């Protein structure tokens, strides 16, 4: 198994806040599995609901990105939205 850890820079953070599609794609790739696994537990294994919530989570993140205040809280921010 290969584990790739994304290092988020201040430049990336500002691009996330500016809703840059390329950086959001990286954000999605980095966190989708962990967020999905969290959601699937919350919905008792219902994959259809989990897929919808995952989509809604990243859509909401995209909409609220300009309000993001701290680069060190990207995963917490996404988990909070998913919850």
N, C-alpha and C. Protein backbone atom coordinates (compact mmCIF):
# COMPACT_ATOMS: atom_id res chain seq x y z
N UNK A 1 0.83 -1.16 0.00
CA UNK A 1 0.00 0.00 0.00
C UNK A 1 0.89 1.24 0.00
N UNK A 2 0.54 2.19 -0.83
CA UNK A 2 1.25 3.46 -0.90
C UNK A 2 0.37 4.52 -0.27
N UNK A 3 0.93 5.26 0.67
CA UNK A 3 0.20 6.35 1.30
C UNK A 3 0.84 7.66 0.86
N UNK A 4 0.02 8.52 0.32
CA UNK A 4 0.48 9.83 -0.12
C UNK A 4 -0.15 10.87 0.79
N UNK A 5 0.67 11.70 1.38
CA UNK A 5 0.18 12.76 2.25
C UNK A 5 0.39 14.09 1.55
N UNK A 6 -0.70 14.81 1.40
CA UNK A 6 -0.64 16.11 0.75
C UNK A 6 -0.18 17.16 1.77
N UNK A 7 0.77 17.95 1.38
CA UNK A 7 1.21 19.07 2.20
C UNK A 7 0.52 20.32 1.66
N UNK A 8 -0.27 20.94 2.51
CA UNK A 8 -1.01 22.13 2.11
C UNK A 8 -0.21 23.37 2.48
N UNK A 9 0.05 24.20 1.50
CA UNK A 9 0.81 25.44 1.71
C UNK A 9 -0.16 26.60 1.90
N UNK A 10 0.38 27.72 2.33
CA UNK A 10 -0.43 28.94 2.45
C UNK A 10 -1.00 29.33 1.08
N UNK A 11 -0.23 29.11 0.04
CA UNK A 11 -0.71 29.40 -1.31
C UNK A 11 -1.92 28.53 -1.65
N UNK A 12 -1.84 27.23 -1.32
CA UNK A 12 -2.98 26.34 -1.53
C UNK A 12 -4.18 26.80 -0.72
N UNK A 13 -3.93 27.18 0.52
CA UNK A 13 -5.00 27.65 1.40
C UNK A 13 -5.74 28.83 0.77
N UNK A 14 -5.00 29.78 0.24
CA UNK A 14 -5.63 30.94 -0.39
C UNK A 14 -6.38 30.53 -1.66
N UNK A 15 -5.87 29.54 -2.35
CA UNK A 15 -6.57 29.05 -3.54
C UNK A 15 -7.86 28.32 -3.16
N UNK A 16 -7.84 27.60 -2.03
CA UNK A 16 -9.06 26.96 -1.55
C UNK A 16 -10.09 28.04 -1.22
N UNK A 17 -9.64 29.06 -0.50
CA UNK A 17 -10.55 30.15 -0.14
C UNK A 17 -11.10 30.85 -1.37
N UNK A 18 -10.32 30.88 -2.44
CA UNK A 18 -10.75 31.51 -3.69
C UNK A 18 -11.53 30.54 -4.58
N UNK A 19 -11.75 29.32 -4.08
CA UNK A 19 -12.51 28.29 -4.79
C UNK A 19 -11.85 27.85 -6.10
N UNK A 20 -10.56 27.73 -6.09
CA UNK A 20 -9.82 27.27 -7.25
C UNK A 20 -10.17 25.80 -7.53
N UNK A 21 -10.73 25.49 -8.71
CA UNK A 21 -11.16 24.12 -9.00
C UNK A 21 -10.03 23.09 -8.95
N UNK A 22 -8.84 23.45 -9.38
CA UNK A 22 -7.72 22.51 -9.37
C UNK A 22 -7.34 22.12 -7.95
N UNK A 23 -7.29 23.10 -7.06
CA UNK A 23 -6.94 22.82 -5.67
C UNK A 23 -8.07 22.07 -4.98
N UNK A 24 -9.32 22.39 -5.32
CA UNK A 24 -10.43 21.65 -4.75
C UNK A 24 -10.42 20.19 -5.20
N UNK A 25 -9.98 19.95 -6.40
CA UNK A 25 -9.84 18.58 -6.87
C UNK A 25 -8.83 17.82 -6.01
N UNK A 26 -7.71 18.47 -5.69
CA UNK A 26 -6.70 17.86 -4.82
C UNK A 26 -7.27 17.64 -3.42
N UNK A 27 -8.03 18.60 -2.93
CA UNK A 27 -8.65 18.49 -1.62
C UNK A 27 -9.59 17.28 -1.59
N UNK A 28 -10.38 17.13 -2.63
CA UNK A 28 -11.31 16.00 -2.73
C UNK A 28 -10.55 14.68 -2.74
N UNK A 29 -9.52 14.59 -3.56
CA UNK A 29 -8.75 13.35 -3.65
C UNK A 29 -8.08 13.00 -2.32
N UNK A 30 -7.63 14.01 -1.60
CA UNK A 30 -6.95 13.80 -0.33
C UNK A 30 -7.89 13.29 0.76
N UNK A 31 -9.10 13.81 0.81
CA UNK A 31 -9.98 13.55 1.94
C UNK A 31 -11.21 12.69 1.66
N UNK A 32 -11.50 12.41 0.40
CA UNK A 32 -12.76 11.72 0.08
C UNK A 32 -12.91 10.37 0.78
N UNK A 33 -11.86 9.58 0.84
CA UNK A 33 -11.96 8.25 1.44
C UNK A 33 -12.24 8.34 2.93
N UNK A 34 -11.51 9.17 3.64
CA UNK A 34 -11.73 9.31 5.08
C UNK A 34 -13.10 9.87 5.40
N UNK A 35 -13.52 10.86 4.64
CA UNK A 35 -14.84 11.45 4.86
C UNK A 35 -15.92 10.42 4.54
N UNK A 36 -15.75 9.70 3.44
CA UNK A 36 -16.73 8.69 3.06
C UNK A 36 -16.84 7.60 4.14
N UNK A 37 -15.71 7.13 4.63
CA UNK A 37 -15.73 6.09 5.67
C UNK A 37 -16.44 6.58 6.93
N UNK A 38 -16.23 7.83 7.28
CA UNK A 38 -16.92 8.43 8.43
C UNK A 38 -18.43 8.45 8.17
N UNK A 39 -18.82 8.90 6.99
CA UNK A 39 -20.24 9.00 6.65
C UNK A 39 -20.89 7.62 6.63
N UNK A 40 -20.23 6.65 6.04
CA UNK A 40 -20.81 5.31 5.90
C UNK A 40 -21.12 4.72 7.29
N UNK A 41 -20.29 5.00 8.25
CA UNK A 41 -20.56 4.56 9.63
C UNK A 41 -21.79 5.28 10.18
N UNK A 42 -21.86 6.59 9.94
CA UNK A 42 -22.98 7.39 10.46
C UNK A 42 -24.32 6.97 9.87
N UNK A 43 -24.33 6.46 8.63
CA UNK A 43 -25.59 6.09 7.97
C UNK A 43 -25.78 4.57 7.94
N UNK A 44 -25.10 3.88 8.83
CA UNK A 44 -25.26 2.43 8.98
C UNK A 44 -25.06 1.65 7.69
N UNK A 45 -24.08 2.06 6.90
CA UNK A 45 -23.71 1.31 5.71
C UNK A 45 -24.52 1.59 4.46
N UNK A 46 -25.43 2.55 4.51
CA UNK A 46 -26.25 2.87 3.33
C UNK A 46 -25.41 3.66 2.33
N UNK A 47 -24.96 2.97 1.28
CA UNK A 47 -24.04 3.58 0.31
C UNK A 47 -24.68 4.70 -0.49
N UNK A 48 -25.96 4.58 -0.82
CA UNK A 48 -26.63 5.64 -1.59
C UNK A 48 -26.66 6.94 -0.79
N UNK A 49 -27.02 6.84 0.47
CA UNK A 49 -27.07 8.03 1.32
C UNK A 49 -25.65 8.58 1.53
N UNK A 50 -24.71 7.68 1.75
CA UNK A 50 -23.32 8.11 1.96
C UNK A 50 -22.78 8.85 0.73
N UNK A 51 -23.09 8.34 -0.45
CA UNK A 51 -22.65 9.01 -1.68
C UNK A 51 -23.25 10.42 -1.78
N UNK A 52 -24.53 10.54 -1.45
CA UNK A 52 -25.19 11.85 -1.49
C UNK A 52 -24.58 12.82 -0.48
N UNK A 53 -24.34 12.33 0.72
CA UNK A 53 -23.77 13.19 1.76
C UNK A 53 -22.34 13.59 1.40
N UNK A 54 -21.58 12.67 0.83
CA UNK A 54 -20.21 13.01 0.41
C UNK A 54 -20.24 14.14 -0.62
N UNK A 55 -21.12 14.00 -1.59
CA UNK A 55 -21.26 15.04 -2.61
C UNK A 55 -21.68 16.36 -1.98
N UNK A 56 -22.66 16.31 -1.10
CA UNK A 56 -23.13 17.53 -0.43
C UNK A 56 -22.03 18.15 0.43
N UNK A 57 -21.22 17.31 1.06
CA UNK A 57 -20.14 17.80 1.90
C UNK A 57 -19.15 18.64 1.09
N UNK A 58 -18.72 18.12 -0.04
CA UNK A 58 -17.73 18.86 -0.83
C UNK A 58 -18.36 20.06 -1.54
N UNK A 59 -19.63 19.97 -1.87
CA UNK A 59 -20.33 21.13 -2.44
C UNK A 59 -20.42 22.23 -1.39
N UNK A 60 -20.80 21.87 -0.18
CA UNK A 60 -20.88 22.85 0.90
C UNK A 60 -19.51 23.44 1.23
N UNK A 61 -18.49 22.61 1.18
CA UNK A 61 -17.13 23.11 1.42
C UNK A 61 -16.75 24.14 0.36
N UNK A 62 -17.10 23.85 -0.88
CA UNK A 62 -16.80 24.78 -1.97
C UNK A 62 -17.50 26.11 -1.73
N UNK A 63 -18.77 26.06 -1.34
CA UNK A 63 -19.55 27.27 -1.10
C UNK A 63 -19.00 28.07 0.08
N UNK A 64 -18.63 27.37 1.14
CA UNK A 64 -18.19 28.07 2.36
C UNK A 64 -16.69 28.33 2.42
N UNK A 65 -15.95 27.94 1.41
CA UNK A 65 -14.48 28.08 1.41
C UNK A 65 -13.98 29.48 1.74
N UNK A 66 -14.61 30.55 1.23
CA UNK A 66 -14.08 31.88 1.57
C UNK A 66 -14.08 32.19 3.07
N UNK A 67 -14.87 31.49 3.84
CA UNK A 67 -14.95 31.73 5.28
C UNK A 67 -13.92 30.93 6.08
N UNK A 68 -13.22 30.01 5.42
CA UNK A 68 -12.23 29.16 6.09
C UNK A 68 -11.14 30.03 6.69
N UNK A 69 -10.80 29.76 7.97
CA UNK A 69 -9.86 30.63 8.67
C UNK A 69 -8.48 30.03 8.94
N UNK A 70 -8.36 28.69 8.90
CA UNK A 70 -7.10 28.10 9.35
C UNK A 70 -6.72 26.91 8.47
N UNK A 71 -5.56 26.96 7.88
CA UNK A 71 -5.09 25.88 7.00
C UNK A 71 -4.90 24.58 7.77
N UNK A 72 -4.61 24.65 9.05
CA UNK A 72 -4.36 23.45 9.84
C UNK A 72 -5.64 22.69 10.19
N UNK A 73 -6.77 23.22 9.83
CA UNK A 73 -8.05 22.62 10.20
C UNK A 73 -8.83 22.11 9.00
N UNK A 74 -8.17 21.84 7.88
CA UNK A 74 -8.89 21.39 6.68
C UNK A 74 -9.70 20.12 6.94
N UNK A 75 -9.08 19.13 7.54
CA UNK A 75 -9.82 17.88 7.77
C UNK A 75 -10.94 18.08 8.77
N UNK A 76 -10.69 18.84 9.83
CA UNK A 76 -11.74 19.11 10.82
C UNK A 76 -12.91 19.84 10.18
N UNK A 77 -12.61 20.78 9.33
CA UNK A 77 -13.62 21.55 8.62
C UNK A 77 -14.49 20.61 7.77
N UNK A 78 -13.87 19.72 7.04
CA UNK A 78 -14.62 18.79 6.18
C UNK A 78 -15.44 17.79 7.01
N UNK A 79 -14.87 17.29 8.09
CA UNK A 79 -15.63 16.36 8.94
C UNK A 79 -16.82 17.06 9.60
N UNK A 80 -16.64 18.31 9.97
CA UNK A 80 -17.73 19.07 10.56
C UNK A 80 -18.87 19.26 9.54
N UNK A 81 -18.51 19.56 8.33
CA UNK A 81 -19.52 19.71 7.27
C UNK A 81 -20.23 18.36 7.05
N UNK A 82 -19.48 17.29 6.99
CA UNK A 82 -20.06 15.96 6.77
C UNK A 82 -21.03 15.57 7.89
N UNK A 83 -20.68 15.97 9.08
CA UNK A 83 -21.51 15.63 10.23
C UNK A 83 -22.85 16.33 10.16
